[in-house]
């Protein structure tokens, strides 16, 4: 019913969902469940992304206000910074002789 296309490039994940408009009244009206978007993202990226853009409307196979037959979600992949370890020096403590 719905075509799901995932594309990764330039530190961005683009997910495009589309469907055909229903042609017969006997066909069921279907709306895309937005919670399925998370399942399309690879596990290794899930903790490293932030949503940049999402459609303002629902995706479905029928005509209604605030509904279209395709939409795109864009996520930005956050780069993890490697921690640079600085060399630590051991502090010498002076002991007082009695």
N, C-alpha and C. Protein backbone atom coordinates (compact mmCIF):
# COMPACT_ATOMS: atom_id res chain seq x y z
N UNK A 1 0.84 -1.19 0.00
CA UNK A 1 0.00 0.00 0.00
C UNK A 1 0.88 1.25 0.00
N UNK A 2 1.76 1.41 1.00
CA UNK A 2 2.63 2.58 1.08
C UNK A 2 4.02 2.22 0.62
N UNK A 3 4.64 3.11 -0.15
CA UNK A 3 6.03 2.94 -0.55
C UNK A 3 6.88 3.75 0.41
N UNK A 4 7.88 3.10 0.98
CA UNK A 4 8.77 3.75 1.94
C UNK A 4 10.18 3.74 1.36
N UNK A 5 10.73 4.93 1.18
CA UNK A 5 12.07 5.06 0.60
C UNK A 5 12.97 5.77 1.60
N UNK A 6 14.09 5.13 1.94
CA UNK A 6 15.05 5.70 2.89
C UNK A 6 16.34 5.99 2.14
N UNK A 7 16.83 7.21 2.29
CA UNK A 7 18.06 7.62 1.61
C UNK A 7 18.97 8.31 2.61
N UNK A 8 20.24 7.92 2.64
CA UNK A 8 21.21 8.51 3.55
C UNK A 8 22.31 9.16 2.72
N UNK A 9 22.48 10.48 2.89
CA UNK A 9 23.59 11.17 2.23
C UNK A 9 23.81 12.52 2.89
N UNK A 10 25.07 12.94 2.88
CA UNK A 10 25.49 14.23 3.46
C UNK A 10 25.02 14.40 4.90
N UNK A 11 25.21 13.36 5.71
CA UNK A 11 24.84 13.39 7.13
C UNK A 11 23.36 13.68 7.35
N UNK A 12 22.53 13.29 6.39
CA UNK A 12 21.08 13.44 6.52
C UNK A 12 20.40 12.15 6.10
N UNK A 13 19.31 11.86 6.78
CA UNK A 13 18.47 10.72 6.42
C UNK A 13 17.15 11.29 5.92
N UNK A 14 16.80 10.91 4.70
CA UNK A 14 15.57 11.37 4.09
C UNK A 14 14.65 10.16 3.92
N UNK A 15 13.46 10.25 4.49
CA UNK A 15 12.48 9.16 4.39
C UNK A 15 11.25 9.71 3.65
N UNK A 16 10.96 9.12 2.51
CA UNK A 16 9.83 9.54 1.70
C UNK A 16 8.78 8.44 1.70
N UNK A 17 7.56 8.80 2.05
CA UNK A 17 6.43 7.89 2.08
C UNK A 17 5.45 8.35 1.01
N UNK A 18 4.97 7.39 0.20
CA UNK A 18 3.99 7.75 -0.82
C UNK A 18 3.01 6.60 -1.01
N UNK A 19 1.88 6.91 -1.59
CA UNK A 19 0.87 5.89 -1.88
C UNK A 19 0.03 6.35 -3.07
N UNK A 20 -0.67 5.41 -3.65
CA UNK A 20 -1.57 5.71 -4.76
C UNK A 20 -2.91 6.16 -4.21
N UNK A 21 -3.54 7.07 -4.92
CA UNK A 21 -4.88 7.53 -4.57
C UNK A 21 -5.87 6.40 -4.84
N UNK A 22 -6.77 6.15 -3.91
CA UNK A 22 -7.74 5.06 -4.12
C UNK A 22 -8.67 5.44 -5.26
N UNK A 23 -9.01 4.46 -6.05
CA UNK A 23 -9.82 4.74 -7.24
C UNK A 23 -11.25 4.25 -7.12
N UNK A 24 -11.47 3.27 -6.24
CA UNK A 24 -12.82 2.72 -6.06
C UNK A 24 -13.33 3.01 -4.65
N UNK A 25 -14.61 3.23 -4.55
CA UNK A 25 -15.22 3.46 -3.24
C UNK A 25 -15.13 2.25 -2.33
N UNK A 26 -14.96 1.07 -2.92
CA UNK A 26 -14.87 -0.14 -2.10
C UNK A 26 -13.49 -0.34 -1.48
N UNK A 27 -12.48 0.41 -1.96
CA UNK A 27 -11.15 0.32 -1.38
C UNK A 27 -11.15 1.02 -0.01
N UNK A 28 -10.43 0.47 0.96
CA UNK A 28 -10.42 1.10 2.29
C UNK A 28 -9.63 2.40 2.30
N UNK A 29 -10.05 3.33 3.14
CA UNK A 29 -9.30 4.57 3.36
C UNK A 29 -8.20 4.24 4.37
N UNK A 30 -6.97 4.58 4.01
CA UNK A 30 -5.84 4.25 4.86
C UNK A 30 -4.99 5.50 5.09
N UNK A 31 -4.60 5.72 6.35
CA UNK A 31 -3.71 6.82 6.72
C UNK A 31 -2.42 6.22 7.25
N UNK A 32 -1.28 6.77 6.83
CA UNK A 32 0.01 6.26 7.25
C UNK A 32 0.24 6.57 8.73
N UNK A 33 0.68 5.56 9.47
CA UNK A 33 0.97 5.69 10.90
C UNK A 33 2.37 6.26 11.06
N UNK A 34 2.48 7.50 11.54
CA UNK A 34 3.77 8.18 11.64
C UNK A 34 4.74 7.49 12.61
N UNK A 35 4.23 6.68 13.50
CA UNK A 35 5.12 5.99 14.45
C UNK A 35 5.98 4.95 13.74
N UNK A 36 5.62 4.57 12.52
CA UNK A 36 6.41 3.60 11.76
C UNK A 36 7.70 4.22 11.22
N UNK A 37 7.81 5.53 11.22
CA UNK A 37 9.01 6.21 10.71
C UNK A 37 10.24 5.75 11.49
N UNK A 38 10.13 5.66 12.81
CA UNK A 38 11.27 5.24 13.63
C UNK A 38 11.76 3.85 13.26
N UNK A 39 10.87 2.97 12.86
CA UNK A 39 11.26 1.61 12.50
C UNK A 39 12.05 1.57 11.19
N UNK A 40 11.95 2.61 10.37
CA UNK A 40 12.66 2.64 9.10
C UNK A 40 14.11 3.10 9.25
N UNK A 41 14.43 3.70 10.40
CA UNK A 41 15.79 4.21 10.63
C UNK A 41 16.65 3.09 11.18
N UNK A 42 17.85 2.94 10.61
CA UNK A 42 18.76 1.90 11.07
C UNK A 42 19.09 2.10 12.55
N UNK A 43 19.27 0.99 13.25
CA UNK A 43 19.51 1.01 14.69
C UNK A 43 20.73 1.86 15.06
N UNK A 44 21.78 1.82 14.23
CA UNK A 44 23.01 2.54 14.56
C UNK A 44 22.84 4.06 14.51
N UNK A 45 21.79 4.55 13.84
CA UNK A 45 21.56 5.99 13.75
C UNK A 45 20.51 6.51 14.73
N UNK A 46 19.74 5.65 15.33
CA UNK A 46 18.59 6.10 16.12
C UNK A 46 18.94 7.06 17.26
N UNK A 47 20.06 6.85 17.91
CA UNK A 47 20.43 7.73 19.03
C UNK A 47 21.21 8.96 18.56
N UNK A 48 21.51 9.03 17.27
CA UNK A 48 22.35 10.10 16.75
C UNK A 48 21.62 11.06 15.82
N UNK A 49 20.30 11.03 15.79
CA UNK A 49 19.58 11.86 14.83
C UNK A 49 18.68 12.88 15.51
N UNK A 50 18.39 13.92 14.79
CA UNK A 50 17.40 14.90 15.24
C UNK A 50 16.54 15.27 14.03
N UNK A 51 15.27 15.45 14.28
CA UNK A 51 14.32 15.75 13.21
C UNK A 51 14.51 17.19 12.74
N UNK A 52 14.71 17.36 11.44
CA UNK A 52 14.86 18.69 10.85
C UNK A 52 13.58 19.17 10.19
N UNK A 53 12.90 18.24 9.51
CA UNK A 53 11.70 18.63 8.76
C UNK A 53 10.76 17.45 8.66
N UNK A 54 9.47 17.73 8.76
CA UNK A 54 8.44 16.71 8.57
C UNK A 54 7.25 17.35 7.88
N UNK A 55 6.43 16.56 7.20
CA UNK A 55 5.27 17.14 6.53
C UNK A 55 4.26 17.70 7.54
N UNK A 56 3.58 18.75 7.13
CA UNK A 56 2.56 19.36 7.98
C UNK A 56 1.22 18.65 7.85
N UNK A 57 1.16 17.67 7.02
CA UNK A 57 -0.10 17.00 6.71
C UNK A 57 0.06 15.49 6.89
N UNK A 58 -1.07 14.78 6.87
CA UNK A 58 -1.05 13.33 6.97
C UNK A 58 -0.88 12.73 5.57
N UNK A 59 -0.41 11.49 5.54
CA UNK A 59 -0.24 10.78 4.29
C UNK A 59 -1.34 9.72 4.21
N UNK A 60 -2.12 9.74 3.14
CA UNK A 60 -3.21 8.79 3.00
C UNK A 60 -3.58 8.55 1.55
N UNK A 61 -4.44 7.58 1.33
CA UNK A 61 -4.80 7.22 -0.04
C UNK A 61 -6.12 7.86 -0.51
N UNK A 62 -6.57 8.90 0.17
CA UNK A 62 -7.79 9.59 -0.24
C UNK A 62 -7.61 11.09 -0.11
N UNK A 63 -8.51 11.85 -0.70
CA UNK A 63 -8.43 13.31 -0.70
C UNK A 63 -9.19 13.87 0.48
N UNK A 64 -8.51 14.73 1.23
CA UNK A 64 -9.08 15.38 2.41
C UNK A 64 -8.20 16.59 2.69
N UNK A 65 -8.74 17.62 3.33
CA UNK A 65 -7.89 18.74 3.68
C UNK A 65 -6.83 18.27 4.67
N UNK A 66 -5.66 18.81 4.60
CA UNK A 66 -4.52 18.43 5.43
C UNK A 66 -4.08 16.99 5.18
N UNK A 67 -4.29 16.48 3.96
CA UNK A 67 -3.83 15.14 3.61
C UNK A 67 -3.29 15.16 2.18
N UNK A 68 -2.17 14.45 2.00
CA UNK A 68 -1.58 14.31 0.67
C UNK A 68 -1.18 12.86 0.48
N UNK A 69 -0.74 12.53 -0.73
CA UNK A 69 -0.37 11.16 -1.04
C UNK A 69 1.13 10.89 -0.88
N UNK A 70 1.91 11.89 -0.54
CA UNK A 70 3.33 11.67 -0.28
C UNK A 70 3.86 12.73 0.69
N UNK A 71 4.93 12.39 1.36
CA UNK A 71 5.56 13.31 2.29
C UNK A 71 6.97 12.84 2.62
N UNK A 72 7.81 13.79 3.06
CA UNK A 72 9.21 13.48 3.34
C UNK A 72 9.59 13.97 4.73
N UNK A 73 10.25 13.09 5.47
CA UNK A 73 10.83 13.41 6.77
C UNK A 73 12.33 13.52 6.57
N UNK A 74 12.96 14.54 7.14
CA UNK A 74 14.41 14.70 7.02
C UNK A 74 15.00 14.76 8.43
N UNK A 75 15.97 13.90 8.66
CA UNK A 75 16.66 13.83 9.94
C UNK A 75 18.12 14.19 9.74
N UNK A 76 18.70 14.91 10.68
CA UNK A 76 20.12 15.25 10.63
C UNK A 76 20.86 14.28 11.54
N UNK A 77 21.96 13.72 11.02
CA UNK A 77 22.79 12.82 11.83
C UNK A 77 23.81 13.67 12.56
N UNK A 78 23.75 13.61 13.89
CA UNK A 78 24.70 14.36 14.71
C UNK A 78 26.03 13.61 14.74
N UNK A 79 27.08 14.33 14.53
CA UNK A 79 28.41 13.72 14.57
C UNK A 79 28.85 13.60 16.02
N UNK A 80 29.32 12.42 16.37
CA UNK A 80 29.82 12.24 17.72
C UNK A 80 31.27 12.70 17.76
N UNK A 81 31.55 13.50 18.72
CA UNK A 81 32.91 14.01 18.86
C UNK A 81 33.72 13.04 19.70
N UNK A 82 34.89 12.79 19.23
CA UNK A 82 35.78 11.94 20.02
C UNK A 82 36.40 12.80 21.11
N UNK A 83 36.38 12.27 22.30
CA UNK A 83 36.97 13.01 23.40
C UNK A 83 38.48 12.92 23.30
N UNK A 84 39.09 14.07 23.38
CA UNK A 84 40.54 14.12 23.32
C UNK A 84 41.03 14.07 24.75
N UNK A 85 41.83 13.07 25.02
CA UNK A 85 42.32 12.97 26.38
C UNK A 85 43.60 13.78 26.50
N UNK A 86 43.64 14.57 27.52
CA UNK A 86 44.83 15.37 27.77
C UNK A 86 45.71 14.61 28.74
N UNK A 87 46.98 14.68 28.54
CA UNK A 87 47.86 13.96 29.45
C UNK A 87 47.78 14.57 30.85
N UNK A 88 47.68 13.72 31.81
CA UNK A 88 47.61 14.20 33.18
C UNK A 88 48.95 13.94 33.85
N UNK A 89 49.32 14.86 34.67
CA UNK A 89 50.57 14.69 35.40
C UNK A 89 50.23 14.37 36.84
N UNK A 90 51.07 13.60 37.42
CA UNK A 90 50.86 13.23 38.81
C UNK A 90 51.43 14.34 39.68
N UNK A 91 50.62 14.84 40.55
CA UNK A 91 51.08 15.89 41.45
C UNK A 91 51.94 15.26 42.55
N UNK A 92 53.14 15.76 42.64
CA UNK A 92 54.00 15.30 43.73
C UNK A 92 53.63 16.03 44.99
N UNK A 93 53.44 15.29 46.02
CA UNK A 93 53.12 15.93 47.29
C UNK A 93 54.39 16.01 48.12
N UNK A 94 54.57 17.12 48.71
CA UNK A 94 55.74 17.32 49.55
C UNK A 94 55.41 16.86 50.96
N UNK A 95 56.30 16.12 51.46
CA UNK A 95 56.12 15.68 52.85
C UNK A 95 57.07 16.45 53.72
N UNK A 96 56.58 16.88 54.80
CA UNK A 96 57.39 17.69 55.72
C UNK A 96 58.13 16.77 56.65
N UNK A 97 59.43 16.92 56.73
CA UNK A 97 60.21 16.09 57.62
C UNK A 97 60.11 16.66 59.02
N UNK A 98 60.00 15.79 59.97
CA UNK A 98 59.88 16.27 61.35
C UNK A 98 61.19 16.27 62.06
